[in-house]
N, C-alpha and C. Protein backbone atom coordinates (compact mmCIF):
# COMPACT_ATOMS: atom_id res chain seq x y z
N MET A 1 -16.91 17.30 14.71
CA MET A 1 -16.66 18.67 14.31
C MET A 1 -17.97 19.45 14.38
N ALA A 2 -17.94 20.63 14.95
CA ALA A 2 -19.12 21.46 15.07
C ALA A 2 -19.51 22.04 13.72
N ALA A 3 -20.82 22.19 13.52
CA ALA A 3 -21.32 22.77 12.28
C ALA A 3 -20.99 24.26 12.25
N ALA A 4 -20.75 24.78 11.05
CA ALA A 4 -20.51 26.21 10.90
C ALA A 4 -21.77 26.96 11.30
N ARG A 5 -21.58 28.07 11.99
CA ARG A 5 -22.73 28.85 12.41
C ARG A 5 -22.62 30.25 11.85
N ALA A 6 -23.69 30.71 11.26
CA ALA A 6 -23.73 32.06 10.73
C ALA A 6 -25.16 32.55 10.78
N PRO A 7 -25.36 33.85 10.92
CA PRO A 7 -26.72 34.38 10.96
C PRO A 7 -27.46 34.10 9.65
N ALA A 8 -28.77 34.04 9.76
CA ALA A 8 -29.61 33.74 8.61
C ALA A 8 -29.37 34.70 7.44
N GLU A 9 -29.12 35.98 7.74
CA GLU A 9 -28.96 36.94 6.66
C GLU A 9 -27.71 36.69 5.82
N THR A 10 -26.75 35.93 6.34
CA THR A 10 -25.56 35.63 5.55
C THR A 10 -25.64 34.25 4.89
N ARG A 11 -26.64 33.47 5.22
CA ARG A 11 -26.80 32.13 4.67
C ARG A 11 -28.22 32.01 4.15
N PRO A 12 -28.52 32.51 2.96
CA PRO A 12 -29.89 32.50 2.46
C PRO A 12 -30.41 31.08 2.28
N ARG A 13 -31.67 30.90 2.59
CA ARG A 13 -32.32 29.62 2.38
C ARG A 13 -32.69 29.51 0.91
N GLU A 14 -32.40 28.38 0.36
CA GLU A 14 -32.67 28.16 -1.06
C GLU A 14 -33.77 27.11 -1.20
N THR A 15 -34.86 27.48 -1.86
CA THR A 15 -35.92 26.50 -2.10
C THR A 15 -35.54 25.69 -3.32
N VAL A 16 -35.53 24.40 -3.13
CA VAL A 16 -35.15 23.46 -4.19
C VAL A 16 -36.24 22.39 -4.26
N PHE A 17 -36.02 21.39 -5.09
CA PHE A 17 -37.00 20.32 -5.22
C PHE A 17 -36.37 18.97 -4.95
N LEU A 18 -37.08 18.16 -4.18
CA LEU A 18 -36.72 16.79 -3.89
C LEU A 18 -37.49 15.94 -4.88
N LEU A 19 -36.78 15.15 -5.67
CA LEU A 19 -37.42 14.29 -6.65
C LEU A 19 -37.07 12.84 -6.34
N VAL A 20 -38.08 12.01 -6.23
CA VAL A 20 -37.89 10.58 -6.06
C VAL A 20 -38.43 9.93 -7.33
N CYS A 21 -37.53 9.33 -8.09
CA CYS A 21 -37.87 8.71 -9.36
C CYS A 21 -37.96 7.21 -9.13
N HIS A 22 -39.18 6.71 -8.98
CA HIS A 22 -39.42 5.31 -8.64
C HIS A 22 -39.22 4.42 -9.86
N ASP A 23 -38.44 3.36 -9.68
CA ASP A 23 -38.16 2.44 -10.79
C ASP A 23 -39.40 1.67 -11.23
N ALA A 24 -39.47 1.41 -12.52
CA ALA A 24 -40.51 0.55 -13.09
C ALA A 24 -40.16 -0.90 -12.78
N PRO A 25 -41.15 -1.77 -12.72
CA PRO A 25 -40.84 -3.20 -12.56
C PRO A 25 -39.93 -3.66 -13.70
N GLY A 26 -38.96 -4.49 -13.37
CA GLY A 26 -38.05 -5.01 -14.39
C GLY A 26 -37.10 -4.00 -14.97
N SER A 27 -36.77 -2.98 -14.21
CA SER A 27 -35.95 -1.88 -14.75
C SER A 27 -34.44 -2.12 -14.64
N ALA A 28 -34.02 -3.22 -14.05
CA ALA A 28 -32.57 -3.44 -13.87
C ALA A 28 -31.82 -3.46 -15.20
N ALA A 29 -32.34 -4.18 -16.20
CA ALA A 29 -31.64 -4.26 -17.49
C ALA A 29 -31.61 -2.92 -18.21
N PRO A 30 -32.75 -2.19 -18.33
CA PRO A 30 -32.66 -0.87 -18.97
C PRO A 30 -31.82 0.12 -18.17
N ARG A 31 -31.82 0.00 -16.85
CA ARG A 31 -30.98 0.87 -16.02
C ARG A 31 -29.52 0.67 -16.39
N GLU A 32 -29.09 -0.57 -16.51
CA GLU A 32 -27.71 -0.87 -16.87
C GLU A 32 -27.41 -0.40 -18.30
N ALA A 33 -28.34 -0.64 -19.21
CA ALA A 33 -28.13 -0.28 -20.62
C ALA A 33 -27.99 1.23 -20.82
N HIS A 34 -28.66 2.02 -19.98
CA HIS A 34 -28.67 3.48 -20.18
C HIS A 34 -27.87 4.24 -19.13
N MET A 35 -27.07 3.50 -18.33
CA MET A 35 -26.32 4.16 -17.26
C MET A 35 -25.32 5.18 -17.80
N HIS A 36 -24.61 4.87 -18.88
CA HIS A 36 -23.63 5.81 -19.42
C HIS A 36 -24.32 7.13 -19.81
N GLY A 37 -25.43 7.04 -20.51
CA GLY A 37 -26.16 8.25 -20.89
C GLY A 37 -26.70 9.00 -19.69
N HIS A 38 -27.18 8.26 -18.69
CA HIS A 38 -27.68 8.87 -17.45
C HIS A 38 -26.56 9.65 -16.76
N LEU A 39 -25.39 9.03 -16.62
CA LEU A 39 -24.28 9.71 -15.95
C LEU A 39 -23.79 10.92 -16.74
N ALA A 40 -23.78 10.82 -18.06
CA ALA A 40 -23.41 11.97 -18.89
C ALA A 40 -24.42 13.11 -18.70
N PHE A 41 -25.69 12.76 -18.60
CA PHE A 41 -26.74 13.76 -18.35
C PHE A 41 -26.49 14.46 -17.02
N ILE A 42 -26.20 13.67 -15.98
CA ILE A 42 -25.93 14.22 -14.65
C ILE A 42 -24.73 15.18 -14.72
N GLU A 43 -23.67 14.77 -15.41
CA GLU A 43 -22.48 15.63 -15.53
C GLU A 43 -22.82 16.95 -16.20
N ARG A 44 -23.69 16.93 -17.21
CA ARG A 44 -24.06 18.17 -17.91
C ARG A 44 -24.88 19.11 -17.03
N HIS A 45 -25.57 18.56 -16.04
CA HIS A 45 -26.48 19.37 -15.22
C HIS A 45 -26.07 19.44 -13.75
N VAL A 46 -24.84 19.07 -13.45
CA VAL A 46 -24.40 18.98 -12.06
C VAL A 46 -24.51 20.32 -11.33
N ASP A 47 -24.45 21.44 -12.04
CA ASP A 47 -24.59 22.75 -11.39
C ASP A 47 -25.98 22.97 -10.81
N ARG A 48 -26.97 22.20 -11.26
CA ARG A 48 -28.34 22.33 -10.74
C ARG A 48 -28.66 21.26 -9.70
N ILE A 49 -27.75 20.33 -9.48
CA ILE A 49 -28.00 19.20 -8.59
C ILE A 49 -27.23 19.39 -7.29
N LEU A 50 -27.95 19.48 -6.17
CA LEU A 50 -27.29 19.59 -4.87
C LEU A 50 -26.81 18.23 -4.39
N VAL A 51 -27.61 17.21 -4.61
CA VAL A 51 -27.25 15.85 -4.24
C VAL A 51 -28.11 14.89 -5.07
N ALA A 52 -27.54 13.75 -5.39
CA ALA A 52 -28.29 12.74 -6.15
C ALA A 52 -27.68 11.38 -5.89
N GLY A 53 -28.48 10.36 -6.06
CA GLY A 53 -27.98 9.00 -5.93
C GLY A 53 -29.11 8.00 -5.94
N PRO A 54 -28.74 6.72 -5.98
CA PRO A 54 -29.76 5.67 -5.99
C PRO A 54 -30.31 5.42 -4.58
N ALA A 55 -31.59 5.08 -4.52
CA ALA A 55 -32.21 4.62 -3.28
C ALA A 55 -32.23 3.10 -3.32
N LEU A 56 -32.01 2.49 -2.16
CA LEU A 56 -31.89 1.04 -2.09
C LEU A 56 -33.03 0.44 -1.27
N ASP A 57 -33.48 -0.74 -1.68
CA ASP A 57 -34.49 -1.46 -0.91
C ASP A 57 -33.81 -2.27 0.20
N ALA A 58 -34.58 -3.05 0.92
CA ALA A 58 -34.05 -3.83 2.05
C ALA A 58 -33.00 -4.86 1.61
N ALA A 59 -33.05 -5.29 0.35
CA ALA A 59 -32.08 -6.25 -0.17
C ALA A 59 -30.88 -5.57 -0.80
N ASN A 60 -30.77 -4.24 -0.65
CA ASN A 60 -29.67 -3.45 -1.20
C ASN A 60 -29.72 -3.33 -2.72
N ALA A 61 -30.88 -3.53 -3.30
CA ALA A 61 -31.05 -3.36 -4.75
C ALA A 61 -31.60 -1.96 -5.01
N ILE A 62 -31.18 -1.35 -6.10
CA ILE A 62 -31.67 -0.02 -6.47
C ILE A 62 -33.15 -0.12 -6.85
N ASP A 63 -33.97 0.74 -6.22
CA ASP A 63 -35.38 0.76 -6.58
C ASP A 63 -35.90 2.16 -6.89
N ALA A 64 -35.00 3.15 -6.87
CA ALA A 64 -35.37 4.53 -7.19
C ALA A 64 -34.10 5.36 -7.32
N SER A 65 -34.27 6.55 -7.86
CA SER A 65 -33.20 7.54 -7.90
C SER A 65 -33.71 8.77 -7.17
N VAL A 66 -32.86 9.40 -6.38
CA VAL A 66 -33.25 10.56 -5.59
C VAL A 66 -32.38 11.74 -6.00
N PHE A 67 -33.02 12.88 -6.18
CA PHE A 67 -32.34 14.12 -6.56
C PHE A 67 -32.84 15.26 -5.68
N VAL A 68 -31.96 16.17 -5.35
CA VAL A 68 -32.33 17.48 -4.82
C VAL A 68 -31.76 18.47 -5.83
N VAL A 69 -32.66 19.20 -6.50
CA VAL A 69 -32.25 20.05 -7.62
C VAL A 69 -32.70 21.49 -7.43
N ARG A 70 -31.92 22.39 -8.02
CA ARG A 70 -32.31 23.79 -8.10
C ARG A 70 -33.26 23.93 -9.30
N ALA A 71 -34.39 24.58 -9.06
CA ALA A 71 -35.35 24.78 -10.15
C ALA A 71 -36.25 25.97 -9.81
N ALA A 72 -36.73 26.64 -10.82
CA ALA A 72 -37.60 27.79 -10.62
C ALA A 72 -38.94 27.39 -10.02
N ASP A 73 -39.43 26.22 -10.42
CA ASP A 73 -40.70 25.71 -9.93
C ASP A 73 -40.77 24.21 -10.22
N GLU A 74 -41.86 23.58 -9.83
CA GLU A 74 -41.97 22.13 -10.02
C GLU A 74 -41.90 21.74 -11.49
N ALA A 75 -42.51 22.52 -12.35
CA ALA A 75 -42.47 22.21 -13.79
C ALA A 75 -41.03 22.22 -14.31
N ASP A 76 -40.24 23.17 -13.84
CA ASP A 76 -38.83 23.25 -14.24
C ASP A 76 -38.05 22.04 -13.72
N ALA A 77 -38.31 21.64 -12.47
CA ALA A 77 -37.65 20.47 -11.90
C ALA A 77 -38.00 19.21 -12.69
N ARG A 78 -39.29 19.05 -12.99
CA ARG A 78 -39.72 17.87 -13.75
C ARG A 78 -39.13 17.89 -15.16
N ALA A 79 -39.10 19.05 -15.79
CA ALA A 79 -38.53 19.14 -17.15
C ALA A 79 -37.07 18.72 -17.15
N LEU A 80 -36.33 19.13 -16.12
CA LEU A 80 -34.94 18.72 -16.01
C LEU A 80 -34.84 17.19 -15.96
N ILE A 81 -35.55 16.58 -15.03
CA ILE A 81 -35.44 15.14 -14.82
C ILE A 81 -36.01 14.36 -16.00
N GLU A 82 -37.02 14.89 -16.66
CA GLU A 82 -37.58 14.19 -17.82
C GLU A 82 -36.64 14.19 -19.02
N GLY A 83 -35.56 14.98 -18.95
CA GLY A 83 -34.54 14.94 -19.98
C GLY A 83 -33.52 13.84 -19.77
N ASP A 84 -33.58 13.17 -18.62
CA ASP A 84 -32.64 12.10 -18.29
C ASP A 84 -32.96 10.84 -19.10
N PRO A 85 -31.94 10.18 -19.65
CA PRO A 85 -32.17 8.94 -20.40
C PRO A 85 -32.91 7.86 -19.60
N TYR A 86 -32.76 7.86 -18.29
CA TYR A 86 -33.52 6.89 -17.50
C TYR A 86 -35.02 7.13 -17.63
N PHE A 87 -35.44 8.38 -17.60
CA PHE A 87 -36.86 8.69 -17.79
C PHE A 87 -37.28 8.37 -19.22
N GLN A 88 -36.49 8.81 -20.17
CA GLN A 88 -36.84 8.65 -21.58
C GLN A 88 -36.88 7.19 -22.03
N ASN A 89 -36.21 6.30 -21.30
CA ASN A 89 -36.16 4.89 -21.68
C ASN A 89 -36.89 3.98 -20.70
N GLY A 90 -37.79 4.55 -19.90
CA GLY A 90 -38.68 3.75 -19.07
C GLY A 90 -38.09 3.13 -17.82
N VAL A 91 -36.91 3.58 -17.38
CA VAL A 91 -36.36 3.05 -16.12
C VAL A 91 -37.25 3.48 -14.96
N TRP A 92 -37.71 4.72 -14.99
CA TRP A 92 -38.55 5.24 -13.92
C TRP A 92 -40.02 5.15 -14.31
N ALA A 93 -40.82 4.60 -13.40
CA ALA A 93 -42.26 4.49 -13.63
C ALA A 93 -43.00 5.75 -13.21
N ARG A 94 -42.44 6.42 -12.19
CA ARG A 94 -43.16 7.55 -11.60
C ARG A 94 -42.16 8.48 -10.95
N ILE A 95 -42.41 9.78 -11.08
CA ILE A 95 -41.57 10.79 -10.44
C ILE A 95 -42.41 11.53 -9.41
N GLU A 96 -41.94 11.51 -8.17
CA GLU A 96 -42.58 12.24 -7.09
C GLU A 96 -41.76 13.50 -6.87
N ALA A 97 -42.38 14.66 -6.93
CA ALA A 97 -41.67 15.94 -6.77
C ALA A 97 -42.26 16.69 -5.58
N ARG A 98 -41.36 17.21 -4.74
CA ARG A 98 -41.77 17.98 -3.57
C ARG A 98 -40.88 19.20 -3.46
N ARG A 99 -41.50 20.35 -3.17
CA ARG A 99 -40.72 21.54 -2.83
C ARG A 99 -39.97 21.22 -1.54
N PHE A 100 -38.72 21.61 -1.47
CA PHE A 100 -37.87 21.26 -0.33
C PHE A 100 -37.07 22.49 0.05
N ARG A 101 -37.06 22.81 1.32
CA ARG A 101 -36.27 23.95 1.77
C ARG A 101 -35.03 23.42 2.49
N ALA A 102 -33.90 23.56 1.85
CA ALA A 102 -32.63 23.12 2.43
C ALA A 102 -32.17 24.18 3.42
N VAL A 103 -32.18 23.83 4.72
CA VAL A 103 -31.86 24.82 5.75
C VAL A 103 -30.63 24.50 6.58
N CYS A 104 -30.13 23.26 6.52
CA CYS A 104 -28.93 22.96 7.29
C CYS A 104 -28.25 21.71 6.74
N GLY A 105 -27.02 21.53 7.15
CA GLY A 105 -26.23 20.37 6.75
C GLY A 105 -24.92 20.81 6.14
N SER A 106 -24.01 19.86 6.01
CA SER A 106 -22.69 20.21 5.48
C SER A 106 -22.77 20.74 4.06
N ALA A 107 -23.71 20.25 3.24
CA ALA A 107 -23.85 20.76 1.87
C ALA A 107 -24.32 22.21 1.87
N MET A 108 -24.97 22.63 2.95
CA MET A 108 -25.46 24.00 3.06
C MET A 108 -24.43 24.89 3.75
N GLY A 109 -23.30 24.31 4.17
CA GLY A 109 -22.30 25.08 4.88
C GLY A 109 -22.65 25.30 6.34
N GLY A 110 -23.51 24.47 6.89
CA GLY A 110 -23.89 24.59 8.30
C GLY A 110 -25.38 24.85 8.42
N ILE A 111 -25.72 25.90 9.17
CA ILE A 111 -27.12 26.26 9.39
C ILE A 111 -27.45 27.56 8.66
N THR A 112 -28.74 27.80 8.43
CA THR A 112 -29.14 29.01 7.72
C THR A 112 -29.95 29.95 8.61
N TRP A 113 -30.00 29.65 9.90
CA TRP A 113 -30.72 30.51 10.83
C TRP A 113 -29.74 31.07 11.85
N ALA A 114 -30.17 32.09 12.56
CA ALA A 114 -29.32 32.65 13.61
C ALA A 114 -29.15 31.60 14.71
N PRO A 115 -27.93 31.35 15.16
CA PRO A 115 -27.70 30.32 16.18
C PRO A 115 -28.53 30.55 17.42
N VAL A 116 -29.06 29.45 17.99
CA VAL A 116 -29.87 29.55 19.20
C VAL A 116 -29.18 28.91 20.40
N GLY A 117 -28.15 28.11 20.15
CA GLY A 117 -27.47 27.41 21.25
C GLY A 117 -26.14 28.04 21.59
N PRO A 118 -25.50 27.50 22.65
CA PRO A 118 -24.19 28.04 23.06
C PRO A 118 -23.12 27.79 22.04
């Protein structure tokens, strides 16, 4: 199926933040213990989350959580994620935050620039 095409002026680019929350060593047990609270947290803030899910290592084990979130700035993005029970209970050892410009994909409704191809 072809991606939806619309001029840039009708599809504004939204600057969001990509957060990679790297698991602490030995985090499997606390991850399981706090999963219910983590999922409840996600449900409360789903309007700010474009996409989220676990990252997997080569053995298919969870070794991080990845989020793309709406936030005013990096401090706001970090404050959001630091409210998650996984952060508060030591599941994540480190949070990497990057400004991210979402410009295309099905979650964006197609492309955000004026079409250049046929």
